[in-house]
Each structure stands twice: as C-alpha cells, then as structure tokens.
Amino acid sequence: MRFLISKAVKYQYGRCLSILTLVFFSQLAAAACPSDAQVKQYLSAFAKRQASQGFGQDIGLEDAQCARQKLGAELPLYLGKRVGYKAVFTAPTAPSSRTSASGAAAVSTFNGRLDWGYVFDRNLVDIIAVLPAQFGARPVYQPSLIIEVSDPRFAEAKTVQDALAYVDSVTPFIELPDLMMEGPLSDNAYLSINLGFKGGVLGQEIKVNENSRRLIGEQLTRMVVVVTENDQEVARTPLGHPMEAALALARALKKEGIQLKRGDFLCLGGFSPPKTPQSGLKLNVRYEGLGNSPSLGIEFN
C-alpha cells in the first residue's frame, strides 16, 4: 500500500526535522572539552581548597577524558611528579555508584566501566601521619593498595600469578582524595577531575621477588582489610584477588596507548565507600593475611 503525503504535511515534517537537527548540533556544540581558562579556574580552587563546579555533572565521556588529560598535564605543579595511575570501576546498573577497583564482586565480573586517573608523589606520606581533617574542599578517605610495576610486560600477563613476576612491591595505602564538587558526582564528572586524586598515606612496602612471589599471591587472595575508627571496627572487607584489578587497569592503559614502565604505581581505588574525616578521628587500616598483617593510621586534627 502506498501512502500519500500532502505538501502541508511534508512542510511540517521538514520543519520539525530542521528544528531537531538544530537542537542536536547545538547540543554537540555545547558539549566540549573544558577550555584552558576553565582548567585554570578549577586548579585555582583546588590549590585553595575551595569547592568548585568542576566541569559540570552532565559532561560527556570524551570531554571528561579530555579534562583528565588537561589536568594531568597541569597537576604536577600542585602535586609533584606523576608516578602512576589510579583505577575505579563504575556499576553499569547504577551509574552514580562506584565500586572498589578490587573486591570480590568487581574482581569476579568486571562488568562495570573502568575509569582511571593519574597518581602524583608530592602528598604521599609515611605510615603514621597527623593531618588536617580539612585537607581539601571535600576531603574523603578510603583504604586502598598500591602495586609497583617492575616491568612493562605486566600488562601482557595472562594470570595473576604470571603478573606477580613483573611486580616490585605491594604497599597498603590510605588514599585521601578531594572530590571538590558538592553532592553526588556523576561518573563522568568524577573522571573529569582525575578521580579526585590528591595524595595519601603509604604503609609498609612488601617486596615481591622470586622466592616470595607465590606466597604473596596466596596471601592477597585471602587478605581482609579491617578499618577501625577511634579503636572501633567499622569495616571488614574481603577483596578477592586485588591483582585482577591491577591487571584490568594495566590492560586498559595499554589499549589507550599508555605503556607502563618500571616503578609505576597502580593504585587500586577504594576498598570501601569514601568517608569524610572529622577532627579528632583516629583512623587505622589493617591488611589481615598479607605478610605480617601490616597496619597504617592517620590522626586527623
């Protein structure tokens, strides 16, 4: 059956199509990588520990990646030498919720989107630290883990045990991000501000070598992260095998043309939801089952 369209209907159809086309392209024009001026404005607020609008909650993925790239080039002025990369996974069924980069569910499925940011060395401090609770505009803390790569072939490893052959050390870590923006961050907004990386507290470095490799691999499988606040246990998290997350990050970086080098840090995101520090809080994180179950702490004033 043929359908006949009158000239009036054709006119209205064409007019609507033109309007939709203009709206579509105007939206494309509005969505853009942040300008140098916007980046400068954000960094000024970052340095002053002032809240920022960031680059918008509705920023698109490509623009968020572009923003991260621009910040990555400028943040050494504020945070020191770039020494590695931080991973985080986002849950596909709940875009506003981020899971730890490790953790049993994330490690076993990796069905979320992997986002990454740059890691810098200036604000990486030693095992026991006294720090201001207001170390940023929107300060939070999360227990984490750092894998130090000894060989770029890490990204090509087929199994976690193979990967350990290209690891120099494993280090407990309490990350101290500054989320900068008020309210819940969209995944892309979080990515655009380099996942909020600012620094953190390093624990006891555990060296990995040919003799210890198998044992450390087994310990990581059984490791449980225990968090206490003012001597009260508030979280006990089994992680699966964190090396799975490190491998996923390395492979994602390789896919984007980034080759790891000896000495690079792979920070595995947060092992529990971020929490805001309060003055007087004594935080301790213990890594049960890893080595001699090292712990590290922060006293916030």
Foldseek 3Di string as FASTA:
>chain_A
DDDDDDPVRVVVVVVVVVVVVVVVVVVVVVAAADDPVLLVVLVVCFQVQAFDCQPHQPHDQVSLLSLLVVCVVVCCVPFNDWFAKEKWWADPVDQLDTAFLFADVCLVPVPTDIFMFIAHDRAEAEFEEEAALSPHNFKWKFKWKKWFFAALCLLVDPDLLSNLQGTFWMKIWIFIFHQRYPDGGGPSSCSSCRVRGRYTYIYDIGGGDPVCSVVQQVLQQAKWKWKDKPNHTDDIGNTHHLSSSVNVVSNVCVVVVHGDHGRHMYIRGGNDDIDRDDQQIKMKMWTPSRDVGIMGIYHHD
